[in-house]
Amino acid sequence: MRVSEIADKLCGRILVDSDADVKAFYAGDFLSRVMGKAPSDSVWITVMGNVNVAGVAVLAEIKTVVVCEGVVPAPQLVEKCKEENIALVTTDKGVYECCRLVG
């Protein structure tokens, strides 16, 4: 699934685009658990909007991050995602609804 398809399904907004083609999804906010459990090349669905999200995404080889519940990502997160070629999407939808719509 492409980033544009994910954003469309979630009525989301793409803040950072990439050519990622993802095949797996992971939802969670406990960073060490995400690092250990999220499949590589996946979409990470979270409510966290700080720069640490990009660091975890790099370590876990996550290609796309969806920030839910209307959380506004910190400018540092947006910049780090650009640097690391990690797609970043925001949506007002909740985590469960995002999982249901894209999973």
PDB file of N, CA and C in Angstrom:
ATOM      1  N   MET A   1       0.845  -1.172   0.000  1.00  0.00           N
ATOM      2  CA  MET A   1       0.000   0.000   0.000  1.00  0.00           C
ATOM      3  C   MET A   1       0.892   1.236   0.000  1.00  0.00           C
ATOM      4  N   ARG A   2       0.549   2.185  -0.787  1.00  0.00           N
ATOM      5  CA  ARG A   2       1.301   3.433  -0.901  1.00  0.00           C
ATOM      6  C   ARG A   2       0.833   4.456   0.138  1.00  0.00           C
ATOM      7  N   VAL A   3       1.676   5.434   0.418  1.00  0.00           N
ATOM      8  CA  VAL A   3       1.372   6.473   1.397  1.00  0.00           C
ATOM      9  C   VAL A   3       0.095   7.223   1.021  1.00  0.00           C
ATOM     10  N   SER A   4      -0.073   7.520  -0.243  1.00  0.00           N
ATOM     11  CA  SER A   4      -1.275   8.248  -0.676  1.00  0.00           C
ATOM     12  C   SER A   4      -2.541   7.439  -0.423  1.00  0.00           C
ATOM     13  N   GLU A   5      -2.478   6.122  -0.580  1.00  0.00           N
ATOM     14  CA  GLU A   5      -3.636   5.265  -0.299  1.00  0.00           C
ATOM     15  C   GLU A   5      -3.969   5.266   1.189  1.00  0.00           C
ATOM     16  N   ILE A   6      -2.943   5.222   2.000  1.00  0.00           N
ATOM     17  CA  ILE A   6      -3.138   5.250   3.454  1.00  0.00           C
ATOM     18  C   ILE A   6      -3.798   6.558   3.856  1.00  0.00           C
ATOM     19  N   ALA A   7      -3.262   7.666   3.363  1.00  0.00           N
ATOM     20  CA  ALA A   7      -3.822   8.979   3.697  1.00  0.00           C
ATOM     21  C   ALA A   7      -5.273   9.087   3.238  1.00  0.00           C
ATOM     22  N   ASP A   8      -5.572   8.583   2.048  1.00  0.00           N
ATOM     23  CA  ASP A   8      -6.946   8.626   1.547  1.00  0.00           C
ATOM     24  C   ASP A   8      -7.888   7.838   2.450  1.00  0.00           C
ATOM     25  N   LYS A   9      -7.487   6.643   2.834  1.00  0.00           N
ATOM     26  CA  LYS A   9      -8.342   5.794   3.675  1.00  0.00           C
ATOM     27  C   LYS A   9      -8.595   6.420   5.047  1.00  0.00           C
ATOM     28  N   LEU A  10      -7.635   7.201   5.519  1.00  0.00           N
ATOM     29  CA  LEU A  10      -7.737   7.788   6.863  1.00  0.00           C
ATOM     30  C   LEU A  10      -8.195   9.241   6.847  1.00  0.00           C
ATOM     31  N   CYS A  11      -8.546   9.748   5.664  1.00  0.00           N
ATOM     32  CA  CYS A  11      -8.849  11.178   5.528  1.00  0.00           C
ATOM     33  C   CYS A  11      -7.721  11.984   6.155  1.00  0.00           C
ATOM     34  N   GLY A  12      -6.509  11.530   5.903  1.00  0.00           N
ATOM     35  CA  GLY A  12      -5.334  12.117   6.524  1.00  0.00           C
ATOM     36  C   GLY A  12      -4.629  13.110   5.636  1.00  0.00           C
ATOM     37  N   ARG A  13      -3.620  13.706   6.197  1.00  0.00           N
ATOM     38  CA  ARG A  13      -2.815  14.712   5.518  1.00  0.00           C
ATOM     39  C   ARG A  13      -1.370  14.228   5.494  1.00  0.00           C
ATOM     40  N   ILE A  14      -0.770  14.207   4.325  1.00  0.00           N
ATOM     41  CA  ILE A  14       0.625  13.799   4.192  1.00  0.00           C
ATOM     42  C   ILE A  14       1.519  14.991   4.501  1.00  0.00           C
ATOM     43  N   LEU A  15       2.321  14.869   5.551  1.00  0.00           N
ATOM     44  CA  LEU A  15       3.286  15.921   5.891  1.00  0.00           C
ATOM     45  C   LEU A  15       4.638  15.651   5.252  1.00  0.00           C
ATOM     46  N   VAL A  16       4.981  14.377   5.150  1.00  0.00           N
ATOM     47  CA  VAL A  16       6.216  13.955   4.484  1.00  0.00           C
ATOM     48  C   VAL A  16       5.847  12.761   3.617  1.00  0.00           C
ATOM     49  N   ASP A  17       6.119  12.859   2.332  1.00  0.00           N
ATOM     50  CA  ASP A  17       5.774  11.777   1.406  1.00  0.00           C
ATOM     51  C   ASP A  17       7.018  10.937   1.121  1.00  0.00           C
ATOM     52  N   SER A  18       6.789   9.727   0.693  1.00  0.00           N
ATOM     53  CA  SER A  18       7.876   8.859   0.256  1.00  0.00           C
ATOM     54  C   SER A  18       7.304   7.866  -0.732  1.00  0.00           C
ATOM     55  N   ASP A  19       8.169   7.106  -1.332  1.00  0.00           N
ATOM     56  CA  ASP A  19       7.723   6.099  -2.281  1.00  0.00           C
ATOM     57  C   ASP A  19       7.564   4.733  -1.616  1.00  0.00           C
ATOM     58  N   ALA A  20       7.426   4.727  -0.310  1.00  0.00           N
ATOM     59  CA  ALA A  20       7.311   3.477   0.439  1.00  0.00           C
ATOM     60  C   ALA A  20       6.096   2.679  -0.010  1.00  0.00           C
ATOM     61  N   ASP A  21       6.293   1.379  -0.112  1.00  0.00           N
ATOM     62  CA  ASP A  21       5.209   0.448  -0.385  1.00  0.00           C
ATOM     63  C   ASP A  21       5.171  -0.506   0.797  1.00  0.00           C
ATOM     64  N   VAL A  22       4.221  -0.288   1.685  1.00  0.00           N
ATOM     65  CA  VAL A  22       4.195  -1.049   2.931  1.00  0.00           C
ATOM     66  C   VAL A  22       3.207  -2.208   2.849  1.00  0.00           C
ATOM     67  N   LYS A  23       3.521  -3.246   3.605  1.00  0.00           N
ATOM     68  CA  LYS A  23       2.702  -4.445   3.594  1.00  0.00           C
ATOM     69  C   LYS A  23       2.262  -4.870   4.990  1.00  0.00           C
ATOM     70  N   ALA A  24       2.751  -4.182   6.007  1.00  0.00           N
ATOM     71  CA  ALA A  24       2.424  -4.549   7.386  1.00  0.00           C
ATOM     72  C   ALA A  24       2.097  -3.289   8.184  1.00  0.00           C
ATOM     73  N   PHE A  25       1.421  -3.486   9.303  1.00  0.00           N
ATOM     74  CA  PHE A  25       0.998  -2.382  10.160  1.00  0.00           C
ATOM     75  C   PHE A  25       1.286  -2.734  11.611  1.00  0.00           C
ATOM     76  N   TYR A  26       1.584  -1.697  12.405  1.00  0.00           N
ATOM     77  CA  TYR A  26       1.796  -1.884  13.836  1.00  0.00           C
ATOM     78  C   TYR A  26       1.243  -0.668  14.563  1.00  0.00           C
ATOM     79  N   ALA A  27       0.513  -0.906  15.631  1.00  0.00           N
ATOM     80  CA  ALA A  27      -0.026   0.186  16.443  1.00  0.00           C
ATOM     81  C   ALA A  27       0.526   0.065  17.847  1.00  0.00           C
ATOM     82  N   GLY A  28       0.996   1.178  18.388  1.00  0.00           N
ATOM     83  CA  GLY A  28       1.496   1.171  19.752  1.00  0.00           C
ATOM     84  C   GLY A  28       2.230   2.456  20.069  1.00  0.00           C
ATOM     85  N   ASP A  29       2.383   2.697  21.373  1.00  0.00           N
ATOM     86  CA  ASP A  29       3.033   3.924  21.825  1.00  0.00           C
ATOM     87  C   ASP A  29       4.171   3.669  22.804  1.00  0.00           C
ATOM     88  N   PHE A  30       4.392   2.440  23.148  1.00  0.00           N
ATOM     89  CA  PHE A  30       5.481   2.090  24.058  1.00  0.00           C
ATOM     90  C   PHE A  30       6.717   1.859  23.186  1.00  0.00           C
ATOM     91  N   LEU A  31       7.628   2.819  23.166  1.00  0.00           N
ATOM     92  CA  LEU A  31       8.698   2.859  22.175  1.00  0.00           C
ATOM     93  C   LEU A  31       9.559   1.604  22.128  1.00  0.00           C
ATOM     94  N   SER A  32       9.937   1.064  23.268  1.00  0.00           N
ATOM     95  CA  SER A  32      10.784  -0.131  23.241  1.00  0.00           C
ATOM     96  C   SER A  32      10.030  -1.325  22.652  1.00  0.00           C
ATOM     97  N   ARG A  33       8.743  -1.373  22.873  1.00  0.00           N
ATOM     98  CA  ARG A  33       7.932  -2.454  22.294  1.00  0.00           C
ATOM     99  C   ARG A  33       7.839  -2.290  20.771  1.00  0.00           C
ATOM    100  N   VAL A  34       7.668  -1.077  20.307  1.00  0.00           N
ATOM    101  CA  VAL A  34       7.631  -0.812  18.865  1.00  0.00           C
ATOM    102  C   VAL A  34       8.952  -1.241  18.235  1.00  0.00           C
ATOM    103  N   MET A  35      10.066  -0.890  18.868  1.00  0.00           N
ATOM    104  CA  MET A  35      11.379  -1.263  18.331  1.00  0.00           C
ATOM    105  C   MET A  35      11.539  -2.775  18.215  1.00  0.00           C
ATOM    106  N   GLY A  36      10.962  -3.506  19.148  1.00  0.00           N
ATOM    107  CA  GLY A  36      11.129  -4.953  19.157  1.00  0.00           C
ATOM    108  C   GLY A  36      10.075  -5.723  18.385  1.00  0.00           C
ATOM    109  N   LYS A  37       8.922  -5.125  18.147  1.00  0.00           N
ATOM    110  CA  LYS A  37       7.808  -5.875  17.573  1.00  0.00           C
ATOM    111  C   LYS A  37       7.338  -5.410  16.196  1.00  0.00           C
ATOM    112  N   ALA A  38       7.532  -4.154  15.858  1.00  0.00           N
ATOM    113  CA  ALA A  38       7.028  -3.651  14.573  1.00  0.00           C
ATOM    114  C   ALA A  38       7.804  -4.286  13.427  1.00  0.00           C
ATOM    115  N   PRO A  39       7.098  -4.811  12.431  1.00  0.00           N
ATOM    116  CA  PRO A  39       7.792  -5.385  11.278  1.00  0.00           C
ATOM    117  C   PRO A  39       8.523  -4.284  10.485  1.00  0.00           C
ATOM    118  N   SER A  40       9.652  -4.627   9.894  1.00  0.00           N
ATOM    119  CA  SER A  40      10.326  -3.645   9.044  1.00  0.00           C
ATOM    120  C   SER A  40       9.460  -3.366   7.822  1.00  0.00           C
ATOM    121  N   ASP A  41       9.652  -2.207   7.240  1.00  0.00           N
ATOM    122  CA  ASP A  41       8.877  -1.748   6.079  1.00  0.00           C
ATOM    123  C   ASP A  41       7.385  -1.633   6.389  1.00  0.00           C
ATOM    124  N   SER A  42       7.062  -1.283   7.616  1.00  0.00           N
ATOM    125  CA  SER A  42       5.653  -1.219   8.018  1.00  0.00           C
ATOM    126  C   SER A  42       5.178   0.215   8.225  1.00  0.00           C
ATOM    127  N   VAL A  43       3.885   0.313   8.505  1.00  0.00           N
ATOM    128  CA  VAL A  43       3.252   1.561   8.928  1.00  0.00           C
ATOM    129  C   VAL A  43       3.110   1.484  10.440  1.00  0.00           C
ATOM    130  N   TRP A  44       3.540   2.515  11.131  1.00  0.00           N
ATOM    131  CA  TRP A  44       3.396   2.588  12.583  1.00  0.00           C
ATOM    132  C   TRP A  44       2.295   3.587  12.877  1.00  0.00           C
ATOM    133  N   ILE A  45       1.261   3.118  13.575  1.00  0.00           N
ATOM    134  CA  ILE A  45       0.119   3.948  13.952  1.00  0.00           C
ATOM    135  C   ILE A  45       0.276   4.311  15.421  1.00  0.00           C
ATOM    136  N   THR A  46       0.296   5.620  15.721  1.00  0.00           N
ATOM    137  CA  THR A  46       0.615   6.080  17.071  1.00  0.00           C
ATOM    138  C   THR A  46      -0.086   7.402  17.374  1.00  0.00           C
ATOM    139  N   VAL A  47      -0.072   7.781  18.644  1.00  0.00           N
ATOM    140  CA  VAL A  47      -0.547   9.108  19.038  1.00  0.00           C
ATOM    141  C   VAL A  47       0.622   9.998  19.456  1.00  0.00           C
ATOM    142  N   MET A  48       1.823   9.477  19.336  1.00  0.00           N
ATOM    143  CA  MET A  48       2.998  10.244  19.728  1.00  0.00           C
ATOM    144  C   MET A  48       3.434  11.152  18.591  1.00  0.00           C
ATOM    145  N   GLY A  49       3.797  12.390  18.931  1.00  0.00           N
ATOM    146  CA  GLY A  49       4.181  13.347  17.910  1.00  0.00           C
ATOM    147  C   GLY A  49       5.527  13.991  18.143  1.00  0.00           C
ATOM    148  N   ASN A  50       6.352  13.390  18.991  1.00  0.00           N
ATOM    149  CA  ASN A  50       7.656  14.011  19.267  1.00  0.00           C
ATOM    150  C   ASN A  50       8.755  13.401  18.396  1.00  0.00           C
ATOM    151  N   VAL A  51       9.912  13.992  18.406  1.00  0.00           N
ATOM    152  CA  VAL A  51      11.019  13.602  17.530  1.00  0.00           C
ATOM    153  C   VAL A  51      11.501  12.181  17.798  1.00  0.00           C
ATOM    154  N   ASN A  52      11.258  11.642  18.989  1.00  0.00           N
ATOM    155  CA  ASN A  52      11.669  10.274  19.297  1.00  0.00           C
ATOM    156  C   ASN A  52      11.018   9.261  18.363  1.00  0.00           C
ATOM    157  N   VAL A  53       9.869   9.604  17.824  1.00  0.00           N
ATOM    158  CA  VAL A  53       9.169   8.722  16.889  1.00  0.00           C
ATOM    159  C   VAL A  53      10.061   8.432  15.680  1.00  0.00           C
ATOM    160  N   ALA A  54      10.721   9.430  15.158  1.00  0.00           N
ATOM    161  CA  ALA A  54      11.600   9.231  14.001  1.00  0.00           C
ATOM    162  C   ALA A  54      12.771   8.324  14.352  1.00  0.00           C
ATOM    163  N   GLY A  55      13.330   8.497  15.531  1.00  0.00           N
ATOM    164  CA  GLY A  55      14.441   7.646  15.949  1.00  0.00           C
ATOM    165  C   GLY A  55      14.042   6.187  16.043  1.00  0.00           C
ATOM    166  N   VAL A  56      12.888   5.935  16.606  1.00  0.00           N
ATOM    167  CA  VAL A  56      12.384   4.566  16.720  1.00  0.00           C
ATOM    168  C   VAL A  56      12.082   4.009  15.333  1.00  0.00           C
ATOM    169  N   ALA A  57      11.487   4.824  14.475  1.00  0.00           N
ATOM    170  CA  ALA A  57      11.176   4.378  13.115  1.00  0.00           C
ATOM    171  C   ALA A  57      12.453   3.967  12.376  1.00  0.00           C
ATOM    172  N   VAL A  58      13.514   4.729  12.539  1.00  0.00           N
ATOM    173  CA  VAL A  58      14.780   4.387  11.887  1.00  0.00           C
ATOM    174  C   VAL A  58      15.297   3.056  12.428  1.00  0.00           C
ATOM    175  N   LEU A  59      15.326   2.906  13.742  1.00  0.00           N
ATOM    176  CA  LEU A  59      15.840   1.671  14.352  1.00  0.00           C
ATOM    177  C   LEU A  59      15.026   0.449  13.953  1.00  0.00           C
ATOM    178  N   ALA A  60      13.711   0.606  13.840  1.00  0.00           N
ATOM    179  CA  ALA A  60      12.828  -0.519  13.518  1.00  0.00           C
ATOM    180  C   ALA A  60      12.600  -0.664  12.011  1.00  0.00           C
ATOM    181  N   GLU A  61      13.238   0.193  11.220  1.00  0.00           N
ATOM    182  CA  GLU A  61      13.097   0.177   9.767  1.00  0.00           C
ATOM    183  C   GLU A  61      11.641   0.353   9.325  1.00  0.00           C
ATOM    184  N   ILE A  62      10.938   1.239  10.033  1.00  0.00           N
ATOM    185  CA  ILE A  62       9.548   1.582   9.714  1.00  0.00           C
ATOM    186  C   ILE A  62       9.567   2.643   8.628  1.00  0.00           C
ATOM    187  N   LYS A  63       8.737   2.473   7.610  1.00  0.00           N
ATOM    188  CA  LYS A  63       8.753   3.361   6.455  1.00  0.00           C
ATOM    189  C   LYS A  63       7.733   4.492   6.522  1.00  0.00           C
ATOM    190  N   THR A  64       6.675   4.298   7.311  1.00  0.00           N
ATOM    191  CA  THR A  64       5.598   5.283   7.371  1.00  0.00           C
ATOM    192  C   THR A  64       5.087   5.378   8.801  1.00  0.00           C
ATOM    193  N   VAL A  65       4.849   6.595   9.263  1.00  0.00           N
ATOM    194  CA  VAL A  65       4.269   6.839  10.582  1.00  0.00           C
ATOM    195  C   VAL A  65       2.947   7.574  10.382  1.00  0.00           C
ATOM    196  N   VAL A  66       1.900   7.087  11.052  1.00  0.00           N
ATOM    197  CA  VAL A  66       0.607   7.760  11.073  1.00  0.00           C
ATOM    198  C   VAL A  66       0.384   8.267  12.489  1.00  0.00           C
ATOM    199  N   VAL A  67       0.242   9.572  12.638  1.00  0.00           N
ATOM    200  CA  VAL A  67      -0.020  10.182  13.937  1.00  0.00           C
ATOM    201  C   VAL A  67      -1.520  10.467  14.005  1.00  0.00           C
ATOM    202  N   CYS A  68      -2.182   9.841  14.982  1.00  0.00           N
ATOM    203  CA  CYS A  68      -3.646   9.844  15.074  1.00  0.00           C
ATOM    204  C   CYS A  68      -4.185  10.873  16.073  1.00  0.00           C
ATOM    205  N   GLU A  69      -5.498  10.907  16.149  1.00  0.00           N
ATOM    206  CA  GLU A  69      -6.261  11.667  17.142  1.00  0.00           C
ATOM    207  C   GLU A  69      -6.011  13.172  17.091  1.00  0.00           C
ATOM    208  N   GLY A  70      -5.648  13.670  15.915  1.00  0.00           N
ATOM    209  CA  GLY A  70      -5.449  15.104  15.775  1.00  0.00           C
ATOM    210  C   GLY A  70      -4.188  15.646  16.415  1.00  0.00           C
ATOM    211  N   VAL A  71      -3.310  14.751  16.851  1.00  0.00           N
ATOM    212  CA  VAL A  71      -2.047  15.194  17.445  1.00  0.00           C
ATOM    213  C   VAL A  71      -1.224  15.905  16.368  1.00  0.00           C
ATOM    214  N   VAL A  72      -0.699  17.055  16.709  1.00  0.00           N
ATOM    215  CA  VAL A  72       0.133  17.825  15.780  1.00  0.00           C
ATOM    216  C   VAL A  72       1.596  17.442  16.020  1.00  0.00           C
ATOM    217  N   PRO A  73       2.234  16.840  15.027  1.00  0.00           N
ATOM    218  CA  PRO A  73       3.633  16.448  15.196  1.00  0.00           C
ATOM    219  C   PRO A  73       4.537  17.656  15.424  1.00  0.00           C
ATOM    220  N   ALA A  74       5.513  17.475  16.296  1.00  0.00           N
ATOM    221  CA  ALA A  74       6.501  18.535  16.545  1.00  0.00           C
ATOM    222  C   ALA A  74       7.255  18.832  15.252  1.00  0.00           C
ATOM    223  N   PRO A  75       7.620  20.084  15.036  1.00  0.00           N
ATOM    224  CA  PRO A  75       8.393  20.438  13.833  1.00  0.00           C
ATOM    225  C   PRO A  75       9.666  19.600  13.690  1.00  0.00           C
ATOM    226  N   GLN A  76      10.289  19.253  14.815  1.00  0.00           N
ATOM    227  CA  GLN A  76      11.501  18.434  14.778  1.00  0.00           C
ATOM    228  C   GLN A  76      11.212  17.051  14.198  1.00  0.00           C
ATOM    229  N   LEU A  77      10.031  16.504  14.502  1.00  0.00           N
ATOM    230  CA  LEU A  77       9.653  15.197  13.953  1.00  0.00           C
ATOM    231  C   LEU A  77       9.492  15.291  12.439  1.00  0.00           C
ATOM    232  N   VAL A  78       8.829  16.322  11.984  1.00  0.00           N
ATOM    233  CA  VAL A  78       8.626  16.502  10.542  1.00  0.00           C
ATOM    234  C   VAL A  78       9.983  16.599   9.839  1.00  0.00           C
ATOM    235  N   GLU A  79      10.880  17.391  10.376  1.00  0.00           N
ATOM    236  CA  GLU A  79      12.204  17.559   9.759  1.00  0.00           C
ATOM    237  C   GLU A  79      13.001  16.266   9.762  1.00  0.00           C
ATOM    238  N   LYS A  80      12.962  15.542  10.870  1.00  0.00           N
ATOM    239  CA  LYS A  80      13.713  14.283  10.962  1.00  0.00           C
ATOM    240  C   LYS A  80      13.142  13.241  10.006  1.00  0.00           C
ATOM    241  N   CYS A  81      11.838  13.209   9.841  1.00  0.00           N
ATOM    242  CA  CYS A  81      11.226  12.285   8.876  1.00  0.00           C
ATOM    243  C   CYS A  81      11.669  12.618   7.457  1.00  0.00           C
ATOM    244  N   LYS A  82      11.766  13.900   7.152  1.00  0.00           N
ATOM    245  CA  LYS A  82      12.263  14.303   5.830  1.00  0.00           C
ATOM    246  C   LYS A  82      13.698  13.814   5.635  1.00  0.00           C
ATOM    247  N   GLU A  83      14.537  14.026   6.632  1.00  0.00           N
ATOM    248  CA  GLU A  83      15.945  13.617   6.559  1.00  0.00           C
ATOM    249  C   GLU A  83      16.094  12.114   6.371  1.00  0.00           C
ATOM    250  N   GLU A  84      15.242  11.353   7.031  1.00  0.00           N
ATOM    251  CA  GLU A  84      15.362   9.890   7.044  1.00  0.00           C
ATOM    252  C   GLU A  84      14.474   9.198   6.007  1.00  0.00           C
ATOM    253  N   ASN A  85      13.768   9.981   5.195  1.00  0.00           N
ATOM    254  CA  ASN A  85      12.857   9.437   4.174  1.00  0.00           C
ATOM    255  C   ASN A  85      11.786   8.532   4.797  1.00  0.00           C
ATOM    256  N   ILE A  86      11.191   9.017   5.874  1.00  0.00           N
ATOM    257  CA  ILE A  86      10.090   8.325   6.542  1.00  0.00           C
ATOM    258  C   ILE A  86       8.826   9.120   6.239  1.00  0.00           C
ATOM    259  N   ALA A  87       7.841   8.469   5.650  1.00  0.00           N
ATOM    260  CA  ALA A  87       6.581   9.151   5.369  1.00  0.00           C
ATOM    261  C   ALA A  87       5.880   9.467   6.683  1.00  0.00           C
ATOM    262  N   LEU A  88       5.217  10.615   6.731  1.00  0.00           N
ATOM    263  CA  LEU A  88       4.507  11.047   7.933  1.00  0.00           C
ATOM    264  C   LEU A  88       3.116  11.526   7.544  1.00  0.00           C
ATOM    265  N   VAL A  89       2.108  10.907   8.145  1.00  0.00           N
ATOM    266  CA  VAL A  89       0.710  11.214   7.862  1.00  0.00           C
ATOM    267  C   VAL A  89       0.027  11.566   9.176  1.00  0.00           C
ATOM    268  N   THR A  90      -0.841  12.555   9.159  1.00  0.00           N
ATOM    269  CA  THR A  90      -1.643  12.877  10.340  1.00  0.00           C
ATOM    270  C   THR A  90      -3.118  12.663  10.015  1.00  0.00           C
ATOM    271  N   THR A  91      -3.877  12.341  11.066  1.00  0.00           N
ATOM    272  CA  THR A  91      -5.313  12.155  10.911  1.00  0.00           C
ATOM    273  C   THR A  91      -6.012  12.470  12.226  1.00  0.00           C
ATOM    274  N   ASP A  92      -7.270  12.829  12.136  1.00  0.00           N
ATOM    275  CA  ASP A  92      -8.074  13.061  13.336  1.00  0.00           C
ATOM    276  C   ASP A  92      -8.675  11.768  13.866  1.00  0.00           C
ATOM    277  N   LYS A  93      -8.602  10.712  13.092  1.00  0.00           N
ATOM    278  CA  LYS A  93      -9.195   9.434  13.493  1.00  0.00           C
ATOM    279  C   LYS A  93      -8.411   8.816  14.638  1.00  0.00           C
ATOM    280  N   GLY A  94      -9.084   7.997  15.419  1.00  0.00           N
ATOM    281  CA  GLY A  94      -8.453   7.299  16.529  1.00  0.00           C
ATOM    282  C   GLY A  94      -7.626   6.113  16.066  1.00  0.00           C
ATOM    283  N   VAL A  95      -6.829   5.585  16.962  1.00  0.00           N
ATOM    284  CA  VAL A  95      -5.945   4.467  16.640  1.00  0.00           C
ATOM    285  C   VAL A  95      -6.738   3.255  16.163  1.00  0.00           C
ATOM    286  N   TYR A  96      -7.780   2.885  16.895  1.00  0.00           N
ATOM    287  CA  TYR A  96      -8.572   1.720  16.503  1.00  0.00           C
ATOM    288  C   TYR A  96      -9.156   1.900  15.107  1.00  0.00           C
ATOM    289  N   GLU A  97      -9.730   3.053  14.855  1.00  0.00           N
ATOM    290  CA  GLU A  97     -10.330   3.287  13.546  1.00  0.00           C
ATOM    291  C   GLU A  97      -9.278   3.245  12.440  1.00  0.00           C
ATOM    292  N   CYS A  98      -8.102   3.783  12.692  1.00  0.00           N
ATOM    293  CA  CYS A  98      -7.032   3.713  11.697  1.00  0.00           C
ATOM    294  C   CYS A  98      -6.659   2.263  11.398  1.00  0.00           C
ATOM    295  N   CYS A  99      -6.524   1.476  12.443  1.00  0.00           N
ATOM    296  CA  CYS A  99      -6.181   0.057  12.247  1.00  0.00           C
ATOM    297  C   CYS A  99      -7.266  -0.641  11.435  1.00  0.00           C
ATOM    298  N   ARG A 100      -8.499  -0.347  11.733  1.00  0.00           N
ATOM    299  CA  ARG A 100      -9.625  -0.972  11.041  1.00  0.00           C
ATOM    300  C   ARG A 100      -9.651  -0.565   9.568  1.00  0.00           C
ATOM    301  N   LEU A 101      -9.358   0.672   9.286  1.00  0.00           N
ATOM    302  CA  LEU A 101      -9.452   1.185   7.919  1.00  0.00           C
ATOM    303  C   LEU A 101      -8.307   0.774   7.017  1.00  0.00           C
ATOM    304  N   VAL A 102      -7.115   0.613   7.564  1.00  0.00           N
ATOM    305  CA  VAL A 102      -5.960   0.287   6.722  1.00  0.00           C
ATOM    306  C   VAL A 102      -5.468  -1.156   6.877  1.00  0.00           C
ATOM    307  N   GLY A 103      -5.843  -1.775   7.952  1.00  0.00           N
ATOM    308  CA  GLY A 103      -5.328  -3.126   8.243  1.00  0.00           C
ATOM    309  C   GLY A 103      -5.997  -4.225   7.474  1.00  0.00           C
TER     310      GLY A 103
END
